[in-house]
Amino acid sequence: MPVVSVLMSVHNGQRYLREAVDGILAQSFENFEFLIIDDASTDGTARILDGYDDPRMVRLFNKKNLGLTRSLNRGLKEARGVFIARQDDDDISLPERLASQVSVMEGDLNVVLCAGNTEIIDSDGRTIARSRRDCDPDLVGWYLMFHNHIAGHGQVMFRADVAHRLGGYDEKMTASQDHEFWLRLADAGKIMIVNKTFLKTRLHEGRLSNTKAEEQERLSLQTSQKAIRRRTGLSLGLRTVRRLRRFWSGDFRNLESPENIHRLLVQILDGQGARKRRQSVARQFLKWAGKLSLRQEFGDHLRMTRYAFKWAPGAAVRYWLWDMWAKRLGLGDVREGGTG
């Protein structure tokens, strides 16, 4: 029996498919099966896969296009591994990915999902950015309530038995199915986002996050809205949820009324917020302050740090004594940490 079932659905993915498959087959950890669901492709996908002769590869074919969510659930039913590792047909897993994730999962039986950081590449494979999401495990579920903090659906590993117990992916979710699933997993156990890079994730015009951007955003906001209501009892409108998402994702451009953001977060925590969550709010207000011009927006700068002081006085004092001046003197940058 394989320890890991690597699960990949592909629909007309011939352009980058070979790199995705080769990345999995080159893993240092070898005890896996590679389930590939061909979701009724009409391009050269089948021909490319025909060129491989590796007993770990298991191919499934959909007679008609089912979409990603239903295809992944079909793969989950067929998977034999203890752990499920996701892979997308346009990304590249780094050689130590599976070994590192298995080590984390086997080392702590409370961990239901392991993720890491990603290297972002363009359509030609050139590195253009790095996405760092590693953070304290106690904060992952908190961040997920506001936005999809896990960097990339195709680089996670989760426990098969927990996934089956939760019923797999919600097939009503035609996009953003990962965010909805991660929130349910976070309620079932610990999610670890470690400070290692597991994946090269490719940005290109055909990526689902581009072709279904509006649908993905709408469904993800609804997922956050439901999570906030389920966990806190608050019924917030989607516009309000979007403002909170912008705050947590660091998109402070024209984000109005920090006072409203502060009040909303007070309501959400309802006096029960753990110290780490309060510190995370303070850091995010300080990150907002760090984006402002000290000369031209001094009043706003003071207001942001005042809110930060309300959440975590130590973080605000440290910012004024060191971080702000270090940045302006070129000695360092304002400390990150609002979302990891």
Protein backbone atom coordinates (compact mmCIF):
# COMPACT_ATOMS: atom_id res chain seq x y z
CA MET A 1 0.00 0.00 0.00
CA PRO A 2 1.36 3.43 -0.90
CA VAL A 3 1.93 5.94 1.90
CA VAL A 4 0.92 8.84 -0.33
CA SER A 5 -1.62 9.21 -3.12
CA VAL A 6 -0.71 12.16 -5.32
CA LEU A 7 -3.92 13.46 -6.86
CA MET A 8 -4.00 15.49 -10.07
CA SER A 9 -6.89 16.38 -12.37
CA VAL A 10 -6.08 17.61 -15.86
CA HIS A 11 -8.27 19.07 -18.58
CA ASN A 12 -6.50 20.14 -21.78
CA GLY A 13 -3.29 20.76 -19.87
CA GLN A 14 -0.77 19.68 -22.49
CA ARG A 15 1.32 22.87 -22.36
CA TYR A 16 2.79 22.34 -18.88
CA LEU A 17 1.73 18.77 -18.10
CA ARG A 18 5.10 17.12 -18.69
CA GLU A 19 6.84 19.41 -16.16
CA ALA A 20 4.14 18.71 -13.56
CA VAL A 21 4.38 14.92 -14.02
CA ASP A 22 8.19 14.92 -14.06
CA GLY A 23 8.28 16.89 -10.81
CA ILE A 24 6.28 14.17 -9.03
CA LEU A 25 8.16 11.24 -10.54
CA ALA A 26 11.46 12.83 -9.46
CA GLN A 27 10.50 12.98 -5.77
CA SER A 28 13.07 11.69 -3.27
CA PHE A 29 10.20 9.99 -1.42
CA GLU A 30 9.18 7.09 -3.64
CA ASN A 31 6.38 5.22 -1.83
CA PHE A 32 3.47 6.88 -3.61
CA GLU A 33 0.85 6.31 -6.27
CA PHE A 34 0.16 9.05 -8.78
CA LEU A 35 -3.56 9.26 -9.62
CA ILE A 36 -4.16 11.31 -12.75
CA ILE A 37 -7.76 12.05 -13.73
CA ASP A 38 -8.07 13.02 -17.38
CA ASP A 39 -11.18 15.18 -17.28
CA ALA A 40 -12.28 14.56 -20.88
CA SER A 41 -9.32 16.35 -22.45
CA THR A 42 -9.46 17.00 -26.19
CA ASP A 43 -5.86 18.18 -26.69
CA GLY A 44 -2.62 16.19 -26.52
CA THR A 45 -2.94 15.34 -22.81
CA ALA A 46 -3.54 11.61 -23.37
CA ARG A 47 -0.66 11.35 -25.84
CA ILE A 48 1.76 12.93 -23.34
CA LEU A 49 0.66 10.59 -20.56
CA ASP A 50 0.93 7.60 -22.93
CA GLY A 51 4.65 8.36 -23.15
CA TYR A 52 5.26 7.44 -19.50
CA ASP A 53 5.96 3.93 -18.25
CA ASP A 54 5.96 4.16 -14.47
CA PRO A 55 4.00 1.64 -12.36
CA ARG A 56 3.19 4.34 -9.80
CA MET A 57 1.02 6.19 -12.31
CA VAL A 58 -2.70 5.33 -12.24
CA ARG A 59 -4.83 6.94 -14.94
CA LEU A 60 -8.55 7.56 -14.69
CA PHE A 61 -10.70 8.91 -17.50
CA ASN A 62 -13.89 10.93 -17.29
CA LYS A 63 -16.26 10.26 -20.19
CA LYS A 64 -17.43 13.86 -19.96
CA ASN A 65 -15.94 16.97 -18.40
CA LEU A 66 -16.85 16.91 -14.69
CA GLY A 67 -14.83 19.91 -13.54
CA LEU A 68 -12.12 20.04 -10.90
CA THR A 69 -14.23 19.49 -7.78
CA ARG A 70 -16.01 16.33 -8.93
CA SER A 71 -12.83 14.98 -10.52
CA LEU A 72 -10.93 15.36 -7.24
CA ASN A 73 -13.68 13.56 -5.35
CA ARG A 74 -13.48 10.72 -7.86
CA GLY A 75 -9.75 10.54 -7.21
CA LEU A 76 -10.30 10.57 -3.44
CA LYS A 77 -12.53 7.51 -3.74
CA GLU A 78 -9.84 5.63 -5.68
CA ALA A 79 -6.87 6.71 -3.54
CA ARG A 80 -5.20 4.06 -1.37
CA GLY A 81 -2.65 6.22 0.43
CA VAL A 82 -2.67 7.31 4.07
CA PHE A 83 -2.00 10.86 2.88
CA ILE A 84 -3.33 12.76 -0.13
CA ALA A 85 -0.97 15.15 -1.88
CA ARG A 86 -2.48 17.53 -4.40
CA GLN A 87 -0.76 18.50 -7.64
CA ASP A 88 -1.97 20.84 -10.38
CA ASP A 89 -1.15 20.20 -14.02
CA ASP A 90 0.67 23.52 -14.50
CA ASP A 91 2.82 23.62 -11.34
CA ILE A 92 6.10 21.93 -10.42
CA SER A 93 6.74 20.13 -7.13
CA LEU A 94 10.28 20.42 -5.77
CA PRO A 95 12.16 17.11 -5.17
CA GLU A 96 11.94 17.05 -1.35
CA ARG A 97 8.28 18.07 -1.17
CA LEU A 98 6.67 14.71 -0.36
CA ALA A 99 9.44 13.64 2.02
CA SER A 100 9.15 16.86 4.00
CA GLN A 101 5.37 16.72 4.23
CA VAL A 102 5.25 13.05 5.23
CA SER A 103 7.78 13.79 7.98
CA VAL A 104 5.51 16.54 9.37
CA MET A 105 2.35 14.43 9.15
CA GLU A 106 3.91 11.35 10.74
CA GLY A 107 5.58 13.44 13.43
CA ASP A 108 2.32 14.88 14.78
CA LEU A 109 -0.88 12.85 14.55
CA ASN A 110 -2.94 15.99 15.23
CA VAL A 111 -1.85 17.55 11.92
CA VAL A 112 -4.57 17.07 9.32
CA LEU A 113 -2.96 19.18 6.59
CA CYS A 114 0.57 20.29 5.80
CA ALA A 115 1.39 23.16 3.44
CA GLY A 116 4.36 25.42 2.82
CA ASN A 117 5.53 28.40 0.84
CA THR A 118 5.66 28.70 -2.93
CA GLU A 119 7.92 30.10 -5.60
CA ILE A 120 5.89 31.92 -8.24
CA ILE A 121 7.01 31.50 -11.84
CA ASP A 122 5.79 32.95 -15.12
CA SER A 123 4.61 31.06 -18.19
CA ASP A 124 8.23 30.46 -19.22
CA GLY A 125 9.33 29.17 -15.82
CA ARG A 126 11.13 32.31 -14.65
CA THR A 127 10.85 33.14 -10.94
CA ILE A 128 8.93 36.37 -10.44
CA ALA A 129 8.07 36.29 -6.71
CA ARG A 130 7.92 34.17 -3.59
CA SER A 131 4.82 33.67 -1.49
CA ARG A 132 5.51 33.16 2.18
CA ARG A 133 2.57 31.94 4.25
CA ASP A 134 4.22 30.00 7.08
CA CYS A 135 2.88 31.00 10.48
CA ASP A 136 1.96 29.76 13.93
CA PRO A 137 -0.45 26.76 13.62
CA ASP A 138 -2.79 28.41 16.13
CA LEU A 139 -3.36 31.25 13.63
CA VAL A 140 -4.07 29.30 10.45
CA GLY A 141 -7.77 28.76 11.12
CA TRP A 142 -8.09 32.43 12.14
CA TYR A 143 -6.55 33.65 8.88
CA LEU A 144 -8.60 31.20 6.82
CA MET A 145 -11.78 32.75 8.19
CA PHE A 146 -10.94 35.94 6.27
CA HIS A 147 -9.12 34.70 3.17
CA ASN A 148 -7.44 31.63 1.70
CA HIS A 149 -4.15 31.91 3.54
CA ILE A 150 -2.76 28.62 2.20
CA ALA A 151 -0.59 29.36 -0.82
CA GLY A 152 -1.70 27.10 -3.63
CA HIS A 153 -4.17 24.22 -3.78
CA GLY A 154 -1.61 22.07 -5.58
CA GLN A 155 1.00 21.94 -2.81
CA VAL A 156 -0.94 20.59 0.18
CA MET A 157 -0.94 17.17 1.81
CA PHE A 158 -3.83 16.03 4.01
CA ARG A 159 -4.98 12.89 5.79
CA ALA A 160 -7.15 10.63 3.64
CA ASP A 161 -9.26 9.33 6.53
CA VAL A 162 -10.15 12.84 7.69
CA ALA A 163 -11.00 13.89 4.12
CA HIS A 164 -13.35 10.92 3.77
CA ARG A 165 -14.95 11.61 7.15
CA LEU A 166 -15.64 15.19 6.06
CA GLY A 167 -17.16 14.04 2.77
CA GLY A 168 -14.39 15.33 0.53
CA TYR A 169 -14.77 18.48 -1.50
CA ASP A 170 -18.13 20.23 -1.60
CA GLU A 171 -19.36 19.63 -5.16
CA LYS A 172 -21.52 22.75 -5.04
CA MET A 173 -18.25 24.70 -5.11
CA THR A 174 -17.35 25.06 -8.78
CA ALA A 175 -14.41 27.27 -7.74
CA SER A 176 -12.64 28.07 -4.46
CA GLN A 177 -13.34 24.50 -3.39
CA ASP A 178 -9.98 24.45 -1.63
CA HIS A 179 -10.76 27.37 0.71
CA GLU A 180 -14.05 25.80 1.79
CA PHE A 181 -12.35 22.43 2.38
CA TRP A 182 -9.44 23.94 4.35
CA LEU A 183 -11.87 25.60 6.76
CA ARG A 184 -13.54 22.26 7.49
CA LEU A 185 -10.14 20.63 7.94
CA ALA A 186 -9.10 23.42 10.31
CA ASP A 187 -12.12 22.57 12.47
CA ALA A 188 -11.07 18.90 12.47
CA GLY A 189 -7.43 19.28 13.51
CA LYS A 190 -4.17 21.19 13.18
CA ILE A 191 -2.99 22.77 9.93
CA MET A 192 0.75 23.27 9.63
CA ILE A 193 2.22 25.78 7.18
CA VAL A 194 5.96 25.23 7.44
CA ASN A 195 8.80 27.50 6.40
CA LYS A 196 9.80 25.42 3.40
CA THR A 197 9.11 25.90 -0.30
CA PHE A 198 7.34 22.90 -1.80
CA LEU A 199 6.15 24.15 -5.16
CA LYS A 200 6.75 26.35 -8.16
CA THR A 201 3.32 27.74 -8.95
CA ARG A 202 2.85 29.09 -12.45
CA LEU A 203 1.00 32.26 -13.39
CA HIS A 204 -0.39 32.19 -16.91
CA GLU A 205 -3.49 33.29 -18.80
CA GLY A 206 -5.16 29.88 -18.78
CA ARG A 207 -4.90 29.34 -15.03
CA LEU A 208 -8.27 28.75 -13.34
CA SER A 209 -7.67 31.65 -10.96
CA ASN A 210 -7.63 33.86 -14.04
CA THR A 211 -10.35 32.25 -16.15
CA LYS A 212 -12.74 31.99 -13.17
CA ALA A 213 -11.49 34.96 -11.16
CA GLU A 214 -14.89 36.57 -10.49
CA GLU A 215 -16.58 33.27 -9.63
CA GLN A 216 -13.66 32.26 -7.42
CA GLU A 217 -13.73 35.58 -5.54
CA ARG A 218 -17.51 35.44 -5.05
CA LEU A 219 -17.51 31.87 -3.75
CA SER A 220 -14.50 32.47 -1.53
CA LEU A 221 -16.14 35.56 0.02
CA GLN A 222 -19.29 33.51 0.65
CA THR A 223 -17.12 30.83 2.27
CA SER A 224 -15.61 33.44 4.61
CA GLN A 225 -19.05 34.90 5.31
CA LYS A 226 -20.37 31.47 6.35
CA ALA A 227 -17.30 30.71 8.45
CA ILE A 228 -17.61 33.99 10.37
CA ARG A 229 -21.30 33.34 10.99
CA ARG A 230 -20.68 29.73 12.06
CA ARG A 231 -17.85 30.61 14.44
CA THR A 232 -19.06 33.92 15.86
CA GLY A 233 -22.78 34.21 15.14
CA LEU A 234 -22.23 37.46 13.22
CA SER A 235 -24.08 37.88 9.91
CA LEU A 236 -21.94 40.19 7.78
CA GLY A 237 -22.65 41.40 4.25
CA LEU A 238 -20.28 40.45 1.46
CA ARG A 239 -19.04 44.03 1.14
CA THR A 240 -18.03 44.00 4.80
CA VAL A 241 -16.35 40.61 4.40
CA ARG A 242 -14.46 42.00 1.39
CA ARG A 243 -13.18 44.92 3.49
CA LEU A 244 -11.93 42.50 6.15
CA ARG A 245 -10.27 40.40 3.46
CA ARG A 246 -8.45 43.42 2.08
CA PHE A 247 -7.22 44.26 5.57
CA TRP A 248 -5.86 40.76 6.15
CA SER A 249 -4.36 40.36 2.68
CA GLY A 250 -2.49 43.67 3.05
CA ASP A 251 -4.43 45.50 0.34
CA PHE A 252 -4.73 48.82 2.15
CA ARG A 253 -5.18 51.01 -0.92
CA ASN A 254 -8.23 53.21 -0.40
CA LEU A 255 -9.39 50.93 2.42
CA GLU A 256 -11.73 53.23 4.26
CA SER A 257 -12.38 53.62 7.98
CA PRO A 258 -9.82 51.74 10.09
CA GLU A 259 -12.22 52.42 12.98
CA ASN A 260 -14.83 50.19 11.32
CA ILE A 261 -12.24 47.46 10.77
CA HIS A 262 -11.24 47.72 14.44
CA ARG A 263 -14.85 47.49 15.65
CA LEU A 264 -15.61 44.51 13.42
CA LEU A 265 -12.62 42.60 14.72
CA VAL A 266 -13.60 43.40 18.31
CA GLN A 267 -17.02 41.91 17.57
CA ILE A 268 -15.54 38.85 15.93
CA LEU A 269 -13.20 38.13 18.82
CA ASP A 270 -15.91 39.05 21.35
CA GLY A 271 -13.40 39.36 24.18
CA GLN A 272 -12.32 35.74 23.78
CA GLY A 273 -9.40 36.31 21.45
CA ALA A 274 -6.23 34.49 22.38
CA ARG A 275 -3.05 36.52 22.73
CA LYS A 276 -1.68 35.35 19.38
CA ARG A 277 -4.78 36.50 17.53
CA ARG A 278 -4.68 39.88 19.20
CA GLN A 279 -1.03 40.23 18.25
CA SER A 280 -1.86 39.31 14.66
CA VAL A 281 -4.42 42.14 14.48
CA ALA A 282 -1.90 44.59 15.94
CA ARG A 283 0.75 43.54 13.42
CA GLN A 284 -1.64 44.07 10.56
CA PHE A 285 -2.49 47.61 11.71
CA LEU A 286 1.26 48.26 12.01
CA LYS A 287 1.77 46.92 8.51
CA TRP A 288 -0.91 49.38 7.35
CA ALA A 289 0.92 52.18 9.19
CA GLY A 290 4.14 51.14 7.48
CA LYS A 291 2.57 51.78 4.09
CA LEU A 292 1.83 55.41 4.95
CA SER A 293 4.05 58.41 4.44
CA LEU A 294 5.18 59.61 7.85
CA ARG A 295 5.49 63.18 6.59
CA GLN A 296 2.25 63.49 4.64
CA GLU A 297 -0.01 61.09 6.57
CA PHE A 298 1.27 61.45 10.13
CA GLY A 299 -2.22 61.64 11.62
CA ASP A 300 -3.29 58.39 9.95
CA HIS A 301 0.01 56.85 11.00
CA LEU A 302 -0.69 57.68 14.63
CA ARG A 303 -4.25 56.37 14.35
CA MET A 304 -3.08 52.99 13.03
CA THR A 305 -0.52 52.60 15.77
CA ARG A 306 -3.13 53.60 18.35
CA TYR A 307 -5.36 50.73 17.18
CA ALA A 308 -2.36 48.41 17.27
CA PHE A 309 -1.67 49.50 20.85
CA LYS A 310 -5.24 48.57 21.81
CA TRP A 311 -4.72 45.06 20.49
CA ALA A 312 -1.14 44.44 21.63
CA PRO A 313 0.67 47.29 23.43
CA GLY A 314 4.05 45.60 23.27
CA ALA A 315 3.93 45.28 19.49
CA ALA A 316 3.03 48.97 19.07
CA VAL A 317 5.77 50.17 21.41
CA ARG A 318 8.34 47.99 19.68
CA TYR A 319 7.25 49.42 16.34
CA TRP A 320 7.76 53.03 17.46
CA LEU A 321 11.04 52.32 19.21
CA TRP A 322 12.66 50.34 16.45
CA ASP A 323 10.75 49.15 13.38
CA MET A 324 9.58 52.50 12.04
CA TRP A 325 12.94 54.23 12.46
CA ALA A 326 14.91 51.24 11.23
CA LYS A 327 12.93 51.29 8.01
CA ARG A 328 13.39 55.00 7.46
CA LEU A 329 17.10 54.84 8.24
CA GLY A 330 17.53 51.92 5.86
CA LEU A 331 18.42 49.45 8.62
CA GLY A 332 15.56 47.08 8.01
CA ASP A 333 11.93 46.73 7.07
CA VAL A 334 8.77 46.92 9.14
CA ARG A 335 8.18 43.48 10.58
CA GLU A 336 5.81 41.38 8.59
CA GLY A 337 3.40 38.99 10.23
CA GLY A 338 -0.20 40.11 9.79
CA THR A 339 -0.94 37.07 7.67
CA GLY A 340 2.13 35.05 8.35
